[in-house]
Amino acid sequence: MPLPSASTQRRAPQQARATLRRARFLEVAAQLIAQSSYEAVTMTAIAEQAGASIGTLYDYFPDKPSIAMALMTRYTEETDEQWKALLHESHTLTRTALADLFVEGALRLAHERPAYLPLIGAPVAYRRSQSLRRPLRKTIVKALRTMNPKLTDDRAFIHAEVIVQLIKGLLSVYREAIPKERERVVEEFKKLMRFYLLESLQ
């Protein structure tokens, strides 16, 4: 078996350092965005907080929107996986409990990523392709069909899309609400989600 070349041996540590540095930039950016807002955070502040030069930061991210896109991509991928875990036991829930899970679960996942809510309102055109959006819809479809096995795939996917849009609306309204109004926002969206599930899963 041939031994790794000297260039390969050098490249592996360099790649590992680059991965760690990129992750550090994203971690710092997320902390700063959560503390203030997307608009208030600057590339200079991110570089300084990360202990790097602004030039090094630009080597990884050409501008602030690219950082926002990287964070949103990471958060979306993570939450897709966590929705699978949250909905794994959906067959044990009533329709009302499932509706509440969609609302409470969405907020829980958002709060676990403090920069998520501020980034929702950022002027960044983040949109996933249909193929990347499909896994979450399939997870929801599976949960819905445990409630009503008579649902066709087409109908279940439409219901899943409506649920996703309700969740997006919840997060948007919740983000804009002042703290004392947020509990009311949650209750109103629970009503919407309960009504929709009770009607659509008959």
Foldseek 3Di string as FASTA:
>chain_A
DDDDDPVVVVVVVVVVVVVVLLVLLLVLLLVVCLVPALVPDALCVSQVVSVHDSVVVCVNPVGSLSSLLVVVVVLVVVLLVVLLVLLVVLLVDDLLVVLLCLLVVLVVSCVVRSNNLRSLPDPHPHDDDPVVVPSSLVSQLVSLCSLPVVDDPVLSSVLSVVSVVLSSVLSNVLSPDDVVCNVVSSVVSSVVSSVSSVVSSD
